[in-house]
N, C-alpha and C. Protein backbone atom coordinates (compact mmCIF):
# COMPACT_ATOMS: atom_id res chain seq x y z
N MET A 1 2.10 -39.64 -33.67
CA MET A 1 3.08 -39.38 -32.64
C MET A 1 2.89 -37.95 -32.17
N SER A 2 2.85 -37.72 -30.88
CA SER A 2 2.63 -36.38 -30.37
C SER A 2 3.95 -35.70 -30.07
N LEU A 3 3.91 -34.37 -29.98
CA LEU A 3 5.10 -33.60 -29.66
C LEU A 3 5.58 -33.92 -28.26
N THR A 4 4.65 -34.18 -27.35
CA THR A 4 5.03 -34.55 -25.99
C THR A 4 5.88 -35.81 -26.01
N PHE A 5 5.50 -36.77 -26.82
CA PHE A 5 6.28 -38.00 -26.94
C PHE A 5 7.68 -37.68 -27.43
N LEU A 6 7.79 -36.81 -28.40
CA LEU A 6 9.10 -36.47 -28.93
C LEU A 6 9.97 -35.79 -27.90
N LEU A 7 9.37 -35.05 -26.99
CA LEU A 7 10.14 -34.37 -25.97
C LEU A 7 10.58 -35.30 -24.86
N THR A 8 9.86 -36.38 -24.64
CA THR A 8 10.17 -37.23 -23.50
C THR A 8 10.93 -38.49 -23.89
N GLU A 9 10.90 -38.85 -25.14
CA GLU A 9 11.60 -40.04 -25.59
C GLU A 9 12.93 -39.65 -26.20
N HIS A 10 13.94 -40.47 -25.99
CA HIS A 10 15.25 -40.22 -26.56
C HIS A 10 15.35 -40.95 -27.90
N SER A 11 14.64 -40.41 -28.86
CA SER A 11 14.65 -41.02 -30.19
C SER A 11 15.06 -39.97 -31.20
N ALA A 12 15.58 -40.43 -32.31
CA ALA A 12 15.95 -39.51 -33.36
C ALA A 12 14.70 -38.90 -33.96
N THR A 13 14.67 -37.59 -34.07
CA THR A 13 13.50 -36.93 -34.62
C THR A 13 13.66 -36.63 -36.10
N LEU A 14 14.88 -36.74 -36.62
CA LEU A 14 15.09 -36.48 -38.04
C LEU A 14 14.57 -37.66 -38.85
N GLY A 15 13.97 -37.36 -39.95
CA GLY A 15 13.50 -38.40 -40.83
C GLY A 15 12.11 -38.93 -40.50
N LEU A 16 11.48 -38.41 -39.48
CA LEU A 16 10.12 -38.84 -39.18
C LEU A 16 9.18 -38.30 -40.24
N THR A 17 8.25 -39.12 -40.65
CA THR A 17 7.28 -38.67 -41.65
C THR A 17 5.88 -39.10 -41.24
N ARG A 18 4.94 -38.41 -41.76
CA ARG A 18 3.53 -38.77 -41.60
C ARG A 18 2.88 -38.52 -42.95
N ASN A 19 2.28 -39.54 -43.48
CA ASN A 19 1.68 -39.46 -44.81
C ASN A 19 2.71 -38.97 -45.83
N ASN A 20 3.93 -39.50 -45.72
CA ASN A 20 5.04 -39.16 -46.62
C ASN A 20 5.42 -37.68 -46.58
N MET A 21 5.03 -36.99 -45.52
CA MET A 21 5.41 -35.58 -45.34
C MET A 21 6.30 -35.50 -44.10
N PRO A 22 7.38 -34.72 -44.18
CA PRO A 22 8.24 -34.59 -43.00
C PRO A 22 7.48 -33.93 -41.85
N ILE A 23 7.77 -34.38 -40.65
CA ILE A 23 7.16 -33.79 -39.47
C ILE A 23 8.12 -32.74 -38.93
N GLY A 24 7.66 -31.54 -38.82
CA GLY A 24 8.47 -30.47 -38.26
C GLY A 24 8.18 -30.31 -36.78
N ILE A 25 9.14 -29.78 -36.06
CA ILE A 25 8.97 -29.55 -34.63
C ILE A 25 9.09 -28.05 -34.39
N SER A 26 8.07 -27.50 -33.79
CA SER A 26 8.08 -26.09 -33.45
C SER A 26 8.74 -25.91 -32.09
N LEU A 27 9.85 -25.20 -32.05
CA LEU A 27 10.53 -24.97 -30.79
C LEU A 27 9.65 -24.15 -29.84
N ASP A 28 8.89 -23.22 -30.39
CA ASP A 28 8.00 -22.42 -29.54
C ASP A 28 6.94 -23.30 -28.88
N LYS A 29 6.37 -24.23 -29.65
CA LYS A 29 5.38 -25.15 -29.08
C LYS A 29 6.04 -26.07 -28.06
N ALA A 30 7.25 -26.52 -28.35
CA ALA A 30 7.99 -27.37 -27.42
C ALA A 30 8.27 -26.63 -26.12
N LYS A 31 8.55 -25.34 -26.21
CA LYS A 31 8.76 -24.53 -25.00
C LYS A 31 7.47 -24.46 -24.18
N ASP A 32 6.35 -24.26 -24.86
CA ASP A 32 5.06 -24.21 -24.16
C ASP A 32 4.78 -25.54 -23.45
N ILE A 33 5.03 -26.64 -24.13
CA ILE A 33 4.81 -27.96 -23.54
C ILE A 33 5.73 -28.16 -22.34
N THR A 34 6.97 -27.73 -22.46
CA THR A 34 7.92 -27.85 -21.36
C THR A 34 7.48 -27.01 -20.17
N LYS A 35 7.01 -25.81 -20.41
CA LYS A 35 6.52 -24.95 -19.32
C LYS A 35 5.34 -25.61 -18.60
N ASP A 36 4.43 -26.19 -19.37
CA ASP A 36 3.29 -26.88 -18.76
C ASP A 36 3.77 -28.05 -17.90
N ARG A 37 4.75 -28.80 -18.40
CA ARG A 37 5.31 -29.93 -17.63
C ARG A 37 5.94 -29.44 -16.34
N LEU A 38 6.72 -28.37 -16.44
CA LEU A 38 7.39 -27.83 -15.25
C LEU A 38 6.38 -27.31 -14.24
N ARG A 39 5.33 -26.66 -14.71
CA ARG A 39 4.30 -26.17 -13.79
C ARG A 39 3.64 -27.32 -13.04
N GLU A 40 3.37 -28.40 -13.77
CA GLU A 40 2.76 -29.57 -13.14
C GLU A 40 3.70 -30.20 -12.12
N GLU A 41 4.97 -30.31 -12.49
CA GLU A 41 5.95 -30.93 -11.59
C GLU A 41 6.25 -30.09 -10.35
N ARG A 42 6.17 -28.76 -10.50
CA ARG A 42 6.52 -27.92 -9.36
C ARG A 42 5.38 -27.73 -8.37
N THR A 43 4.15 -28.01 -8.78
CA THR A 43 3.01 -27.77 -7.89
C THR A 43 3.15 -28.45 -6.54
N PRO A 44 3.43 -29.75 -6.46
CA PRO A 44 3.56 -30.36 -5.13
C PRO A 44 4.77 -29.83 -4.35
N LEU A 45 5.80 -29.42 -5.07
CA LEU A 45 6.98 -28.87 -4.39
C LEU A 45 6.67 -27.50 -3.78
N LEU A 46 5.91 -26.69 -4.50
CA LEU A 46 5.49 -25.40 -3.95
C LEU A 46 4.57 -25.59 -2.75
N GLN A 47 3.68 -26.56 -2.84
CA GLN A 47 2.79 -26.83 -1.72
C GLN A 47 3.58 -27.25 -0.48
N ALA A 48 4.60 -28.06 -0.67
CA ALA A 48 5.44 -28.48 0.46
C ALA A 48 6.19 -27.29 1.04
N GLN A 49 6.64 -26.40 0.18
CA GLN A 49 7.33 -25.20 0.67
C GLN A 49 6.38 -24.27 1.41
N ASP A 50 5.13 -24.22 0.98
CA ASP A 50 4.13 -23.42 1.70
C ASP A 50 3.94 -23.94 3.13
N VAL A 51 3.89 -25.25 3.27
CA VAL A 51 3.75 -25.87 4.59
C VAL A 51 4.99 -25.58 5.44
N ALA A 52 6.16 -25.74 4.83
CA ALA A 52 7.41 -25.48 5.55
C ALA A 52 7.49 -24.01 5.98
N PHE A 53 7.05 -23.11 5.12
CA PHE A 53 7.06 -21.69 5.44
C PHE A 53 6.14 -21.40 6.62
N GLN A 54 4.95 -21.96 6.59
CA GLN A 54 4.00 -21.73 7.68
C GLN A 54 4.55 -22.27 9.00
N ARG A 55 5.13 -23.45 8.97
CA ARG A 55 5.72 -24.03 10.18
C ARG A 55 6.87 -23.17 10.70
N ALA A 56 7.69 -22.68 9.78
CA ALA A 56 8.81 -21.83 10.19
C ALA A 56 8.30 -20.55 10.84
N LEU A 57 7.25 -19.97 10.28
CA LEU A 57 6.67 -18.77 10.89
C LEU A 57 6.14 -19.06 12.29
N GLU A 58 5.46 -20.18 12.42
CA GLU A 58 4.90 -20.55 13.73
C GLU A 58 5.99 -20.75 14.77
N GLN A 59 7.15 -21.24 14.33
CA GLN A 59 8.25 -21.52 15.25
C GLN A 59 9.21 -20.34 15.37
N GLY A 60 8.97 -19.29 14.63
CA GLY A 60 9.86 -18.14 14.67
C GLY A 60 11.21 -18.42 14.01
N ALA A 61 11.26 -19.38 13.11
CA ALA A 61 12.50 -19.77 12.45
C ALA A 61 12.74 -18.89 11.21
N ASP A 62 13.95 -18.95 10.72
CA ASP A 62 14.34 -18.21 9.52
C ASP A 62 13.66 -18.81 8.29
N THR A 63 13.09 -17.97 7.47
CA THR A 63 12.38 -18.43 6.27
C THR A 63 13.14 -18.10 4.98
N THR A 64 14.34 -17.60 5.10
CA THR A 64 15.10 -17.14 3.92
C THR A 64 15.27 -18.24 2.88
N ALA A 65 15.69 -19.42 3.30
CA ALA A 65 15.91 -20.52 2.35
C ALA A 65 14.60 -20.97 1.71
N ILE A 66 13.54 -20.96 2.47
CA ILE A 66 12.23 -21.37 1.95
C ILE A 66 11.76 -20.38 0.89
N VAL A 67 11.90 -19.10 1.19
CA VAL A 67 11.50 -18.06 0.24
C VAL A 67 12.33 -18.16 -1.04
N ALA A 68 13.62 -18.41 -0.90
CA ALA A 68 14.48 -18.54 -2.08
C ALA A 68 14.08 -19.74 -2.93
N GLU A 69 13.77 -20.86 -2.29
CA GLU A 69 13.36 -22.06 -3.04
C GLU A 69 12.02 -21.84 -3.74
N LYS A 70 11.09 -21.18 -3.08
CA LYS A 70 9.81 -20.89 -3.72
C LYS A 70 10.01 -20.00 -4.95
N GLN A 71 10.91 -19.03 -4.84
CA GLN A 71 11.18 -18.15 -5.99
C GLN A 71 11.85 -18.93 -7.12
N ARG A 72 12.78 -19.82 -6.78
CA ARG A 72 13.44 -20.65 -7.79
C ARG A 72 12.40 -21.48 -8.55
N LEU A 73 11.46 -22.06 -7.80
CA LEU A 73 10.41 -22.87 -8.43
C LEU A 73 9.51 -22.02 -9.31
N ARG A 74 9.19 -20.81 -8.87
CA ARG A 74 8.36 -19.93 -9.69
C ARG A 74 9.07 -19.54 -10.98
N ASP A 75 10.38 -19.34 -10.89
CA ASP A 75 11.16 -18.87 -12.04
C ASP A 75 11.58 -19.99 -12.99
N ILE A 76 11.33 -21.23 -12.64
CA ILE A 76 11.83 -22.37 -13.42
C ILE A 76 11.35 -22.34 -14.87
N THR A 77 10.16 -21.83 -15.11
CA THR A 77 9.64 -21.81 -16.48
C THR A 77 10.41 -20.83 -17.36
N ASN A 78 11.10 -19.87 -16.75
CA ASN A 78 11.90 -18.93 -17.54
C ASN A 78 13.04 -19.64 -18.26
N LEU A 79 13.49 -20.76 -17.71
CA LEU A 79 14.57 -21.52 -18.34
C LEU A 79 14.15 -22.05 -19.71
N ALA A 80 12.87 -22.36 -19.86
CA ALA A 80 12.38 -22.85 -21.15
C ALA A 80 12.51 -21.77 -22.22
N ASP A 81 12.28 -20.53 -21.85
CA ASP A 81 12.42 -19.44 -22.82
C ASP A 81 13.86 -19.27 -23.28
N GLN A 82 14.81 -19.63 -22.43
CA GLN A 82 16.22 -19.47 -22.76
C GLN A 82 16.78 -20.63 -23.58
N ALA A 83 16.05 -21.73 -23.64
CA ALA A 83 16.52 -22.92 -24.36
C ALA A 83 16.47 -22.68 -25.86
N SER A 84 17.45 -23.27 -26.55
CA SER A 84 17.48 -23.11 -28.01
C SER A 84 17.41 -24.46 -28.74
N THR A 85 17.37 -25.56 -27.97
CA THR A 85 17.26 -26.89 -28.59
C THR A 85 16.30 -27.76 -27.77
N LEU A 86 15.84 -28.84 -28.40
CA LEU A 86 14.98 -29.78 -27.68
C LEU A 86 15.74 -30.45 -26.54
N ASP A 87 17.02 -30.74 -26.74
CA ASP A 87 17.82 -31.36 -25.68
C ASP A 87 17.91 -30.44 -24.46
N GLU A 88 18.04 -29.15 -24.69
CA GLU A 88 18.07 -28.21 -23.57
C GLU A 88 16.73 -28.22 -22.83
N LEU A 89 15.63 -28.29 -23.58
CA LEU A 89 14.31 -28.34 -22.95
C LEU A 89 14.14 -29.62 -22.13
N LYS A 90 14.59 -30.73 -22.68
CA LYS A 90 14.48 -32.01 -21.97
C LYS A 90 15.26 -31.99 -20.67
N ALA A 91 16.37 -31.26 -20.65
CA ALA A 91 17.26 -31.24 -19.49
C ALA A 91 16.74 -30.40 -18.34
N ILE A 92 15.76 -29.55 -18.58
CA ILE A 92 15.25 -28.69 -17.52
C ILE A 92 14.42 -29.52 -16.55
N THR A 93 14.73 -29.39 -15.27
CA THR A 93 14.02 -30.13 -14.25
C THR A 93 13.72 -29.22 -13.06
N VAL A 94 12.69 -29.53 -12.31
CA VAL A 94 12.36 -28.73 -11.14
C VAL A 94 13.21 -29.10 -9.93
N GLN A 95 13.91 -30.22 -10.02
CA GLN A 95 14.74 -30.65 -8.89
C GLN A 95 15.90 -29.67 -8.71
N GLY A 96 16.18 -29.38 -7.45
CA GLY A 96 17.28 -28.47 -7.13
C GLY A 96 18.62 -29.11 -7.45
N GLU A 97 19.62 -28.28 -7.50
CA GLU A 97 20.96 -28.77 -7.84
C GLU A 97 21.64 -29.41 -6.69
C-alpha cells in the first residue's frame, strides 16, 4: 500500500501492518506528496489564468483579479506546510472558495 493511497482513500490508517510490523506515516512525506499533487492540479489553472491575463492586456481590461488568482494558486502549497494532520492535507484543494 502506498502513502499516496493512504492520502486519497478514506480508510482507517491505524492498525495497518506489513510483515507483522506497524506501518508508520510520515507527516513530512505526506506534506511533500500533497504539494506535488497540488502543483499538478494547479498547472492547467495557471495556464488558463495566463491566457486570461494576456487577453485582458490586449483588451486593456483590469488584471487585478487575474493576478490575485495566480498568486493564490502559487501560494497553495504553503497550506500543506501549515497542516498538522492527514485530514487537513486531504482537505487542501486548488479550487477557489
